[in-house]
Amino acid sequence: MGHLANAFSVATVSFMLAVAPAIHAKSGPADSRLQSATTSPTPSDPAPTLLTPAQVEHLMPATVYYRGQSAPIQLRNSAGARFTPDGYLLVAMVDTSGYASSVQEIYQMYLITESTLMIGDRPLGPGAYGAGVVNGKFIVTDVGGHTLLQADTNLDQSMPRPRPLQLLSGPAGGLKLYLGRSWVSISVATATH
């Protein structure tokens, strides 16, 4: 049964990668994953709904692919949200023990989104990504390890017991993604016309 579950998880991630935008586009920040967007919510935009641990467990693959390897996620350090009607956001810390230390520094978590998001003031299109916090920057990479965006993090010194990963409600109908005491704001991007 364990082999079947792992095969299903790898197949799930492979399917998500197949339908995600081209990962190795050479067009830089103007490619389809980094669409023109704004963070201005409209009054009709509902706030995201945080998922329960059981809902996250149901949706999150047990293993994820990054830089030629698959690794298990840490389900105890995972979270998710639903941006109605724009889809899900799933995040989880990853067991990166099989990766080189230079990869482990940046690849701390896996992020899957079905919506174009604003991470801080930077847009990120639908897809599956590696991410982490390094020197006050939230860094998002494609599954090949190529940096797609960097956003400044905020530091919450008042948090009494930081957890490795948390997703909390944030200002203006958005979310706060915490890695320890460092956090970035996340919201669904609205297209500019």
N, C-alpha and C. Protein backbone atom coordinates (compact mmCIF):
# COMPACT_ATOMS: atom_id res chain seq x y z
N MET A 1 0.82 -1.20 0.00
CA MET A 1 0.00 0.00 0.00
C MET A 1 0.86 1.26 0.00
N GLY A 2 2.01 1.22 0.74
CA GLY A 2 2.89 2.38 0.79
C GLY A 2 3.44 2.73 -0.58
N HIS A 3 3.80 1.70 -1.38
CA HIS A 3 4.31 1.97 -2.72
C HIS A 3 3.24 2.60 -3.59
N LEU A 4 1.99 2.13 -3.44
CA LEU A 4 0.88 2.70 -4.21
C LEU A 4 0.66 4.16 -3.84
N ALA A 5 0.71 4.46 -2.54
CA ALA A 5 0.53 5.85 -2.10
C ALA A 5 1.64 6.74 -2.63
N ASN A 6 2.89 6.26 -2.59
CA ASN A 6 4.01 7.05 -3.13
C ASN A 6 3.87 7.25 -4.62
N ALA A 7 3.47 6.19 -5.34
CA ALA A 7 3.29 6.32 -6.79
C ALA A 7 2.18 7.32 -7.10
N PHE A 8 1.09 7.27 -6.31
CA PHE A 8 0.00 8.23 -6.51
C PHE A 8 0.48 9.65 -6.27
N SER A 9 1.26 9.86 -5.18
CA SER A 9 1.75 11.20 -4.87
C SER A 9 2.64 11.73 -5.97
N VAL A 10 3.56 10.90 -6.47
CA VAL A 10 4.45 11.33 -7.55
C VAL A 10 3.64 11.60 -8.81
N ALA A 11 2.63 10.75 -9.08
CA ALA A 11 1.78 10.96 -10.25
C ALA A 11 0.99 12.26 -10.11
N THR A 12 0.52 12.55 -8.90
CA THR A 12 -0.23 13.79 -8.68
C THR A 12 0.63 15.00 -8.96
N VAL A 13 1.85 15.01 -8.40
CA VAL A 13 2.75 16.14 -8.63
C VAL A 13 3.14 16.22 -10.09
N SER A 14 3.39 15.06 -10.73
CA SER A 14 3.74 15.06 -12.15
C SER A 14 2.61 15.65 -12.98
N PHE A 15 1.35 15.31 -12.65
CA PHE A 15 0.22 15.87 -13.37
C PHE A 15 0.16 17.38 -13.18
N MET A 16 0.34 17.83 -11.91
CA MET A 16 0.29 19.27 -11.65
C MET A 16 1.39 19.99 -12.41
N LEU A 17 2.55 19.37 -12.51
CA LEU A 17 3.64 20.01 -13.24
C LEU A 17 3.35 20.04 -14.73
N ALA A 18 2.69 19.00 -15.23
CA ALA A 18 2.38 18.95 -16.66
C ALA A 18 1.39 20.03 -17.06
N VAL A 19 0.47 20.36 -16.17
CA VAL A 19 -0.52 21.38 -16.51
C VAL A 19 -0.09 22.77 -16.08
N ALA A 20 1.00 22.88 -15.32
CA ALA A 20 1.51 24.19 -14.91
C ALA A 20 2.18 24.85 -16.11
N PRO A 21 2.40 26.16 -16.06
CA PRO A 21 3.08 26.86 -17.15
C PRO A 21 4.48 26.30 -17.36
N ALA A 22 5.04 26.53 -18.51
CA ALA A 22 6.37 26.04 -18.84
C ALA A 22 7.36 26.53 -17.79
N ILE A 23 8.04 25.60 -17.14
CA ILE A 23 8.92 25.94 -16.05
C ILE A 23 10.21 26.58 -16.53
N HIS A 24 10.71 26.16 -17.66
CA HIS A 24 12.02 26.63 -18.09
C HIS A 24 11.94 27.73 -19.13
N ALA A 25 10.88 28.54 -19.07
CA ALA A 25 10.77 29.65 -20.02
C ALA A 25 11.94 30.60 -19.82
N LYS A 26 12.52 31.08 -20.88
CA LYS A 26 13.69 31.95 -20.80
C LYS A 26 13.31 33.41 -20.88
N SER A 27 12.02 33.71 -20.84
CA SER A 27 11.60 35.09 -21.03
C SER A 27 11.72 35.93 -19.77
N GLY A 28 12.13 35.32 -18.65
CA GLY A 28 12.37 36.11 -17.44
C GLY A 28 11.09 36.54 -16.76
N PRO A 29 11.12 37.68 -16.06
CA PRO A 29 9.99 38.10 -15.25
C PRO A 29 8.71 38.35 -16.03
N ALA A 30 8.79 38.48 -17.33
CA ALA A 30 7.58 38.75 -18.11
C ALA A 30 6.87 37.48 -18.53
N ASP A 31 7.38 36.28 -18.13
CA ASP A 31 6.73 35.06 -18.60
C ASP A 31 5.35 34.91 -17.97
N SER A 32 4.62 33.87 -18.38
CA SER A 32 3.21 33.74 -18.01
C SER A 32 3.00 33.51 -16.52
N ARG A 33 4.02 33.03 -15.78
CA ARG A 33 3.86 32.82 -14.35
C ARG A 33 3.88 34.13 -13.59
N LEU A 34 4.43 35.18 -14.17
CA LEU A 34 4.56 36.46 -13.49
C LEU A 34 3.70 37.48 -14.21
N GLN A 35 2.40 37.32 -14.08
CA GLN A 35 1.44 38.14 -14.81
C GLN A 35 1.32 39.52 -14.18
N SER A 36 0.87 40.48 -14.98
CA SER A 36 0.60 41.81 -14.46
C SER A 36 -0.58 41.70 -13.50
N ALA A 37 -0.38 42.18 -12.28
CA ALA A 37 -1.43 42.02 -11.28
C ALA A 37 -1.33 43.13 -10.24
N THR A 38 -2.37 43.21 -9.44
CA THR A 38 -2.40 44.17 -8.35
C THR A 38 -2.98 43.48 -7.12
N THR A 39 -2.69 43.98 -5.94
CA THR A 39 -3.20 43.38 -4.72
C THR A 39 -4.48 44.03 -4.23
N SER A 40 -5.04 44.96 -4.96
CA SER A 40 -6.23 45.66 -4.50
C SER A 40 -7.44 44.73 -4.49
N PRO A 41 -7.90 44.32 -3.29
CA PRO A 41 -9.08 43.48 -3.26
C PRO A 41 -10.33 44.28 -3.58
N THR A 42 -11.28 43.64 -4.20
CA THR A 42 -12.56 44.29 -4.46
C THR A 42 -13.52 43.87 -3.35
N PRO A 43 -14.55 44.66 -3.09
CA PRO A 43 -15.47 44.32 -2.02
C PRO A 43 -16.11 42.94 -2.19
N SER A 44 -16.22 42.44 -3.41
CA SER A 44 -16.84 41.14 -3.63
C SER A 44 -15.87 39.98 -3.43
N ASP A 45 -14.56 40.26 -3.27
CA ASP A 45 -13.59 39.20 -3.06
C ASP A 45 -13.73 38.66 -1.64
N PRO A 46 -14.09 37.37 -1.50
CA PRO A 46 -14.18 36.81 -0.16
C PRO A 46 -12.78 36.54 0.40
N ALA A 47 -12.67 36.58 1.71
CA ALA A 47 -11.40 36.27 2.35
C ALA A 47 -11.11 34.78 2.15
N PRO A 48 -9.84 34.40 2.08
CA PRO A 48 -9.51 32.99 1.93
C PRO A 48 -9.93 32.21 3.17
N THR A 49 -10.24 30.95 2.96
CA THR A 49 -10.61 30.06 4.05
C THR A 49 -9.43 29.17 4.37
N LEU A 50 -8.97 29.19 5.62
CA LEU A 50 -7.89 28.30 6.02
C LEU A 50 -8.42 26.88 6.09
N LEU A 51 -7.63 25.93 5.61
CA LEU A 51 -8.03 24.53 5.60
C LEU A 51 -7.71 23.88 6.94
N THR A 52 -8.48 22.86 7.29
CA THR A 52 -8.19 22.08 8.49
C THR A 52 -7.03 21.14 8.19
N PRO A 53 -6.35 20.63 9.23
CA PRO A 53 -5.28 19.66 8.98
C PRO A 53 -5.76 18.45 8.18
N ALA A 54 -6.98 17.98 8.43
CA ALA A 54 -7.51 16.84 7.68
C ALA A 54 -7.69 17.18 6.20
N GLN A 55 -8.14 18.40 5.90
CA GLN A 55 -8.30 18.81 4.50
C GLN A 55 -6.94 18.91 3.81
N VAL A 56 -5.95 19.46 4.51
CA VAL A 56 -4.61 19.57 3.94
C VAL A 56 -4.05 18.17 3.67
N GLU A 57 -4.21 17.26 4.63
CA GLU A 57 -3.71 15.89 4.46
C GLU A 57 -4.35 15.22 3.25
N HIS A 58 -5.62 15.48 3.02
CA HIS A 58 -6.32 14.89 1.88
C HIS A 58 -5.79 15.43 0.55
N LEU A 59 -5.43 16.71 0.50
CA LEU A 59 -5.02 17.35 -0.75
C LEU A 59 -3.51 17.29 -1.03
N MET A 60 -2.69 17.30 0.00
CA MET A 60 -1.24 17.41 -0.16
C MET A 60 -0.63 16.06 -0.52
N PRO A 61 0.20 16.02 -1.58
CA PRO A 61 0.89 14.77 -1.89
C PRO A 61 1.89 14.43 -0.78
N ALA A 62 2.11 13.13 -0.55
CA ALA A 62 3.03 12.69 0.51
C ALA A 62 4.49 12.97 0.14
N THR A 63 4.80 12.91 -1.14
CA THR A 63 6.14 13.21 -1.61
C THR A 63 6.05 14.24 -2.74
N VAL A 64 7.10 15.04 -2.86
CA VAL A 64 7.11 16.09 -3.88
C VAL A 64 8.44 16.03 -4.64
N TYR A 65 8.41 16.49 -5.88
CA TYR A 65 9.57 16.47 -6.77
C TYR A 65 10.25 17.83 -6.79
N TYR A 66 11.60 17.79 -6.71
CA TYR A 66 12.39 19.02 -6.80
C TYR A 66 13.82 18.64 -7.16
N ARG A 67 14.36 19.27 -8.19
CA ARG A 67 15.74 19.08 -8.64
C ARG A 67 16.14 17.61 -8.77
N GLY A 68 15.33 16.86 -9.49
CA GLY A 68 15.69 15.48 -9.83
C GLY A 68 15.47 14.46 -8.74
N GLN A 69 14.84 14.83 -7.64
CA GLN A 69 14.59 13.89 -6.55
C GLN A 69 13.17 14.09 -6.03
N SER A 70 12.67 13.06 -5.36
CA SER A 70 11.42 13.24 -4.64
C SER A 70 11.73 13.10 -3.16
N ALA A 71 11.00 13.86 -2.36
CA ALA A 71 11.22 13.87 -0.91
C ALA A 71 9.87 13.96 -0.21
N PRO A 72 9.79 13.37 1.00
CA PRO A 72 8.52 13.44 1.74
C PRO A 72 8.30 14.83 2.33
N ILE A 73 7.04 15.22 2.37
CA ILE A 73 6.68 16.47 3.05
C ILE A 73 6.54 16.17 4.54
N GLN A 74 6.57 17.21 5.34
CA GLN A 74 6.33 17.10 6.78
C GLN A 74 4.88 17.51 7.03
N LEU A 75 4.00 16.53 7.06
CA LEU A 75 2.57 16.82 7.18
C LEU A 75 2.26 17.64 8.44
N ARG A 76 3.00 17.42 9.51
CA ARG A 76 2.76 18.19 10.75
C ARG A 76 3.10 19.67 10.56
N ASN A 77 3.93 19.97 9.56
CA ASN A 77 4.30 21.35 9.23
C ASN A 77 3.77 21.70 7.84
N SER A 78 2.46 21.59 7.69
CA SER A 78 1.82 21.92 6.41
C SER A 78 0.57 22.74 6.69
N ALA A 79 0.11 23.42 5.66
CA ALA A 79 -1.09 24.26 5.81
C ALA A 79 -1.68 24.50 4.42
N GLY A 80 -2.87 25.05 4.40
CA GLY A 80 -3.50 25.34 3.12
C GLY A 80 -4.63 26.34 3.28
N ALA A 81 -5.05 26.87 2.15
CA ALA A 81 -6.17 27.81 2.12
C ALA A 81 -6.90 27.64 0.80
N ARG A 82 -8.16 28.02 0.81
CA ARG A 82 -8.98 28.02 -0.40
C ARG A 82 -9.33 29.47 -0.70
N PHE A 83 -8.99 29.89 -1.91
CA PHE A 83 -9.34 31.22 -2.39
C PHE A 83 -10.55 31.05 -3.30
N THR A 84 -11.75 31.13 -2.76
CA THR A 84 -12.96 30.91 -3.55
C THR A 84 -13.13 32.05 -4.53
N PRO A 85 -13.41 31.82 -5.78
CA PRO A 85 -13.47 30.54 -6.48
C PRO A 85 -12.16 30.19 -7.19
N ASP A 86 -11.08 30.82 -6.79
CA ASP A 86 -9.83 30.72 -7.55
C ASP A 86 -8.93 29.56 -7.20
N GLY A 87 -9.32 28.65 -6.34
CA GLY A 87 -8.52 27.46 -6.10
C GLY A 87 -7.77 27.46 -4.78
N TYR A 88 -6.90 26.47 -4.67
CA TYR A 88 -6.20 26.18 -3.43
C TYR A 88 -4.77 26.70 -3.41
N LEU A 89 -4.28 26.90 -2.20
CA LEU A 89 -2.87 27.14 -1.90
C LEU A 89 -2.50 26.08 -0.87
N LEU A 90 -1.45 25.30 -1.15
CA LEU A 90 -0.94 24.31 -0.21
C LEU A 90 0.53 24.58 0.02
N VAL A 91 0.97 24.51 1.28
CA VAL A 91 2.37 24.71 1.63
C VAL A 91 2.77 23.65 2.65
N ALA A 92 4.01 23.19 2.57
CA ALA A 92 4.51 22.19 3.52
C ALA A 92 6.02 22.26 3.60
N MET A 93 6.54 22.06 4.80
CA MET A 93 7.98 21.87 4.96
C MET A 93 8.32 20.52 4.34
N VAL A 94 9.56 20.41 3.86
CA VAL A 94 9.99 19.20 3.16
C VAL A 94 11.20 18.61 3.88
N ASP A 95 11.27 17.27 3.92
CA ASP A 95 12.46 16.59 4.44
C ASP A 95 13.52 16.64 3.35
N THR A 96 14.46 17.54 3.48
CA THR A 96 15.48 17.77 2.44
C THR A 96 16.81 17.09 2.76
N SER A 97 16.79 16.08 3.63
CA SER A 97 18.04 15.45 4.06
C SER A 97 18.84 14.84 2.91
N GLY A 98 18.23 14.48 1.81
CA GLY A 98 18.95 13.90 0.68
C GLY A 98 19.55 14.92 -0.27
N TYR A 99 19.36 16.20 0.00
CA TYR A 99 19.85 17.26 -0.88
C TYR A 99 21.16 17.85 -0.36
N ALA A 100 21.93 18.44 -1.26
CA ALA A 100 23.15 19.15 -0.87
C ALA A 100 22.80 20.32 0.05
N SER A 101 23.72 20.70 0.92
CA SER A 101 23.44 21.79 1.87
C SER A 101 23.13 23.10 1.16
N SER A 102 23.71 23.33 -0.01
CA SER A 102 23.41 24.57 -0.75
C SER A 102 21.97 24.58 -1.25
N VAL A 103 21.41 23.41 -1.54
CA VAL A 103 20.00 23.32 -1.94
C VAL A 103 19.11 23.44 -0.71
N GLN A 104 19.49 22.76 0.38
CA GLN A 104 18.69 22.80 1.61
C GLN A 104 18.51 24.22 2.14
N GLU A 105 19.50 25.08 1.91
CA GLU A 105 19.42 26.45 2.40
C GLU A 105 18.21 27.19 1.81
N ILE A 106 17.97 26.99 0.52
CA ILE A 106 16.86 27.69 -0.15
C ILE A 106 15.59 26.85 -0.17
N TYR A 107 15.73 25.54 -0.37
CA TYR A 107 14.57 24.64 -0.50
C TYR A 107 14.16 24.14 0.87
N GLN A 108 13.33 24.91 1.55
CA GLN A 108 12.85 24.56 2.88
C GLN A 108 11.41 24.07 2.85
N MET A 109 10.66 24.52 1.86
CA MET A 109 9.23 24.19 1.81
C MET A 109 8.79 24.05 0.35
N TYR A 110 7.63 23.44 0.17
CA TYR A 110 7.01 23.27 -1.13
C TYR A 110 5.73 24.09 -1.14
N LEU A 111 5.47 24.76 -2.24
CA LEU A 111 4.29 25.62 -2.37
C LEU A 111 3.58 25.21 -3.66
N ILE A 112 2.30 24.91 -3.55
CA ILE A 112 1.46 24.58 -4.71
C ILE A 112 0.32 25.58 -4.74
N THR A 113 0.11 26.23 -5.87
CA THR A 113 -0.99 27.18 -5.99
C THR A 113 -1.74 26.96 -7.30
N GLU A 114 -3.05 27.08 -7.24
CA GLU A 114 -3.89 27.02 -8.43
C GLU A 114 -4.27 28.42 -8.91
N SER A 115 -3.85 29.43 -8.18
CA SER A 115 -4.20 30.82 -8.49
C SER A 115 -2.93 31.63 -8.68
N THR A 116 -3.04 32.74 -9.41
CA THR A 116 -1.94 33.69 -9.43
C THR A 116 -1.97 34.43 -8.10
N LEU A 117 -0.86 34.42 -7.40
CA LEU A 117 -0.76 35.02 -6.08
C LEU A 117 0.11 36.26 -6.11
N MET A 118 -0.08 37.09 -5.13
CA MET A 118 0.86 38.16 -4.83
C MET A 118 1.60 37.72 -3.57
N ILE A 119 2.90 37.59 -3.66
CA ILE A 119 3.74 37.29 -2.51
C ILE A 119 4.48 38.58 -2.21
N GLY A 120 4.08 39.23 -1.12
CA GLY A 120 4.53 40.61 -0.91
C GLY A 120 3.96 41.43 -2.05
N ASP A 121 4.83 42.07 -2.82
CA ASP A 121 4.36 42.85 -3.98
C ASP A 121 4.75 42.19 -5.30
N ARG A 122 5.06 40.89 -5.26
CA ARG A 122 5.52 40.17 -6.44
C ARG A 122 4.50 39.11 -6.86
N PRO A 123 4.12 39.06 -8.15
CA PRO A 123 3.16 38.05 -8.62
C PRO A 123 3.83 36.70 -8.86
N LEU A 124 3.08 35.63 -8.61
CA LEU A 124 3.53 34.26 -8.88
C LEU A 124 2.35 33.49 -9.45
N GLY A 125 2.52 32.92 -10.63
CA GLY A 125 1.45 32.19 -11.30
C GLY A 125 1.23 30.80 -10.73
N PRO A 126 0.16 30.14 -11.17
CA PRO A 126 -0.14 28.79 -10.72
C PRO A 126 1.02 27.84 -10.99
N GLY A 127 1.22 26.89 -10.09
CA GLY A 127 2.27 25.90 -10.28
C GLY A 127 2.74 25.32 -8.96
N ALA A 128 3.81 24.54 -9.04
CA ALA A 128 4.44 23.92 -7.87
C ALA A 128 5.86 24.47 -7.77
N TYR A 129 6.26 24.86 -6.57
CA TYR A 129 7.51 25.59 -6.37
C TYR A 129 8.21 25.14 -5.10
N GLY A 130 9.52 25.35 -5.06
CA GLY A 130 10.29 25.27 -3.83
C GLY A 130 10.43 26.67 -3.28
N ALA A 131 10.58 26.80 -1.96
CA ALA A 131 10.71 28.13 -1.37
C ALA A 131 11.42 28.04 -0.03
N GLY A 132 11.88 29.20 0.43
CA GLY A 132 12.52 29.28 1.73
C GLY A 132 12.86 30.71 2.07
N VAL A 133 13.27 30.93 3.31
CA VAL A 133 13.69 32.26 3.77
C VAL A 133 15.20 32.23 3.97
N VAL A 134 15.89 33.16 3.30
CA VAL A 134 17.33 33.29 3.41
C VAL A 134 17.66 34.77 3.54
N ASN A 135 18.35 35.13 4.63
CA ASN A 135 18.79 36.52 4.84
C ASN A 135 17.67 37.55 4.67
N GLY A 136 16.53 37.28 5.28
CA GLY A 136 15.43 38.24 5.23
C GLY A 136 14.66 38.29 3.92
N LYS A 137 14.90 37.35 3.03
CA LYS A 137 14.20 37.28 1.75
C LYS A 137 13.44 35.95 1.66
N PHE A 138 12.21 36.01 1.18
CA PHE A 138 11.44 34.82 0.84
C PHE A 138 11.76 34.53 -0.61
N ILE A 139 12.38 33.40 -0.88
CA ILE A 139 12.84 33.05 -2.22
C ILE A 139 11.98 31.92 -2.76
N VAL A 140 11.45 32.10 -3.96
CA VAL A 140 10.66 31.07 -4.64
C VAL A 140 11.44 30.62 -5.86
N THR A 141 11.55 29.29 -6.01
CA THR A 141 12.24 28.71 -7.16
C THR A 141 11.31 27.76 -7.90
N ASP A 142 11.62 27.53 -9.18
CA ASP A 142 10.89 26.49 -9.91
C ASP A 142 11.43 25.14 -9.45
N VAL A 143 10.86 24.04 -9.94
CA VAL A 143 11.27 22.72 -9.48
C VAL A 143 12.67 22.34 -9.96
N GLY A 144 13.25 23.13 -10.83
CA GLY A 144 14.64 22.94 -11.25
C GLY A 144 15.61 23.70 -10.37
N GLY A 145 15.11 24.47 -9.41
CA GLY A 145 15.96 25.22 -8.50
C GLY A 145 16.33 26.60 -8.99
N HIS A 146 15.69 27.09 -10.05
CA HIS A 146 15.97 28.42 -10.60
C HIS A 146 15.12 29.47 -9.88
N THR A 147 15.75 30.52 -9.38
CA THR A 147 15.03 31.56 -8.64
C THR A 147 14.05 32.30 -9.55
N LEU A 148 12.79 32.37 -9.10
CA LEU A 148 11.74 33.09 -9.83
C LEU A 148 11.43 34.43 -9.21
N LEU A 149 11.44 34.49 -7.88
CA LEU A 149 11.16 35.77 -7.22
C LEU A 149 11.76 35.79 -5.84
N GLN A 150 11.99 37.00 -5.36
CA GLN A 150 12.42 37.25 -3.99
C GLN A 150 11.55 38.36 -3.43
N ALA A 151 11.08 38.16 -2.22
CA ALA A 151 10.26 39.19 -1.55
C ALA A 151 10.82 39.41 -0.15
N ASP A 152 10.79 40.65 0.30
CA ASP A 152 11.23 40.95 1.65
C ASP A 152 10.31 40.28 2.66
N THR A 153 10.89 39.79 3.75
CA THR A 153 10.09 39.21 4.82
C THR A 153 9.95 40.21 5.95
N ASN A 154 8.97 39.98 6.79
CA ASN A 154 8.76 40.73 8.02
C ASN A 154 9.16 39.81 9.17
N LEU A 155 9.58 40.38 10.28
CA LEU A 155 9.99 39.59 11.43
C LEU A 155 9.03 39.87 12.58
N ASP A 156 8.42 38.81 13.12
CA ASP A 156 7.47 38.94 14.22
C ASP A 156 8.14 38.49 15.52
N GLN A 157 8.78 39.44 16.20
CA GLN A 157 9.48 39.12 17.46
C GLN A 157 8.50 38.84 18.60
N SER A 158 7.24 39.26 18.45
CA SER A 158 6.27 39.08 19.53
C SER A 158 5.67 37.67 19.55
N MET A 159 5.93 36.87 18.53
CA MET A 159 5.38 35.52 18.50
C MET A 159 6.02 34.68 19.60
N PRO A 160 5.22 34.19 20.57
CA PRO A 160 5.79 33.49 21.72
C PRO A 160 6.42 32.14 21.38
N ARG A 161 5.79 31.38 20.52
CA ARG A 161 6.29 30.05 20.17
C ARG A 161 6.21 29.85 18.67
N PRO A 162 7.21 30.30 17.94
CA PRO A 162 7.14 30.15 16.48
C PRO A 162 7.18 28.68 16.08
N ARG A 163 6.40 28.35 15.08
CA ARG A 163 6.41 27.00 14.50
C ARG A 163 7.19 27.07 13.20
N PRO A 164 7.66 25.92 12.71
CA PRO A 164 8.42 25.95 11.45
C PRO A 164 7.62 26.55 10.29
N LEU A 165 6.30 26.26 10.23
CA LEU A 165 5.46 26.78 9.16
C LEU A 165 4.06 27.02 9.69
N GLN A 166 3.51 28.19 9.39
CA GLN A 166 2.13 28.52 9.74
C GLN A 166 1.53 29.37 8.63
N LEU A 167 0.26 29.21 8.42
CA LEU A 167 -0.50 30.05 7.49
C LEU A 167 -1.64 30.65 8.31
N LEU A 168 -1.63 31.98 8.44
CA LEU A 168 -2.62 32.67 9.27
C LEU A 168 -3.35 33.73 8.45
N SER A 169 -4.53 34.10 8.92
CA SER A 169 -5.26 35.20 8.27
C SER A 169 -4.44 36.47 8.39
N GLY A 170 -4.46 37.26 7.33
CA GLY A 170 -3.69 38.50 7.31
C GLY A 170 -4.57 39.69 7.01
N PRO A 171 -3.96 40.85 6.82
CA PRO A 171 -4.73 42.06 6.55
C PRO A 171 -5.33 42.06 5.15
N ALA A 172 -6.38 42.83 4.97
CA ALA A 172 -7.03 43.07 3.66
C ALA A 172 -7.43 41.78 2.96
N GLY A 173 -7.92 40.80 3.72
CA GLY A 173 -8.40 39.57 3.10
C GLY A 173 -7.30 38.66 2.59
N GLY A 174 -6.08 38.87 3.02
CA GLY A 174 -4.96 38.03 2.59
C GLY A 174 -4.54 37.06 3.67
N LEU A 175 -3.35 36.53 3.50
CA LEU A 175 -2.79 35.57 4.44
C LEU A 175 -1.38 36.00 4.83
N LYS A 176 -0.91 35.46 5.94
CA LYS A 176 0.49 35.58 6.34
C LYS A 176 1.07 34.18 6.36
N LEU A 177 2.13 33.96 5.58
CA LEU A 177 2.84 32.69 5.58
C LEU A 177 4.08 32.87 6.45
N TYR A 178 4.11 32.14 7.56
CA TYR A 178 5.22 32.20 8.50
C TYR A 178 6.16 31.02 8.30
N LEU A 179 7.45 31.28 8.29
CA LEU A 179 8.50 30.28 8.45
C LEU A 179 9.27 30.73 9.69
N GLY A 180 9.00 30.08 10.81
CA GLY A 180 9.53 30.57 12.08
C GLY A 180 8.89 31.90 12.40
N ARG A 181 9.70 32.91 12.70
CA ARG A 181 9.18 34.25 12.98
C ARG A 181 9.11 35.13 11.73
N SER A 182 9.69 34.68 10.64
CA SER A 182 9.66 35.45 9.39
C SER A 182 8.36 35.17 8.65
N TRP A 183 7.78 36.23 8.06
CA TRP A 183 6.54 36.02 7.32
C TRP A 183 6.47 36.93 6.10
N VAL A 184 5.66 36.47 5.13
CA VAL A 184 5.34 37.26 3.94
C VAL A 184 3.83 37.28 3.79
N SER A 185 3.33 38.33 3.18
CA SER A 185 1.90 38.40 2.91
C SER A 185 1.61 37.70 1.59
N ILE A 186 0.47 37.02 1.54
CA ILE A 186 0.02 36.32 0.33
C ILE A 186 -1.43 36.67 0.09
N SER A 187 -1.74 37.01 -1.14
CA SER A 187 -3.13 37.26 -1.54
C SER A 187 -3.30 36.82 -2.98
N VAL A 188 -4.55 36.67 -3.39
CA VAL A 188 -4.83 36.35 -4.78
C VAL A 188 -4.64 37.62 -5.59
N ALA A 189 -3.92 37.51 -6.69
CA ALA A 189 -3.70 38.66 -7.56
C ALA A 189 -4.96 38.90 -8.38
N THR A 190 -5.26 40.16 -8.60
CA THR A 190 -6.35 40.52 -9.49
C THR A 190 -5.72 41.13 -10.73
N ALA A 191 -6.15 40.69 -11.89
CA ALA A 191 -5.56 41.16 -13.15
C ALA A 191 -5.86 42.62 -13.37
N THR A 192 -4.89 43.32 -13.92
CA THR A 192 -5.11 44.71 -14.30
C THR A 192 -5.59 44.74 -15.74
N HIS A 193 -6.41 45.68 -16.04
CA HIS A 193 -6.95 45.77 -17.41
C HIS A 193 -6.49 47.02 -18.08
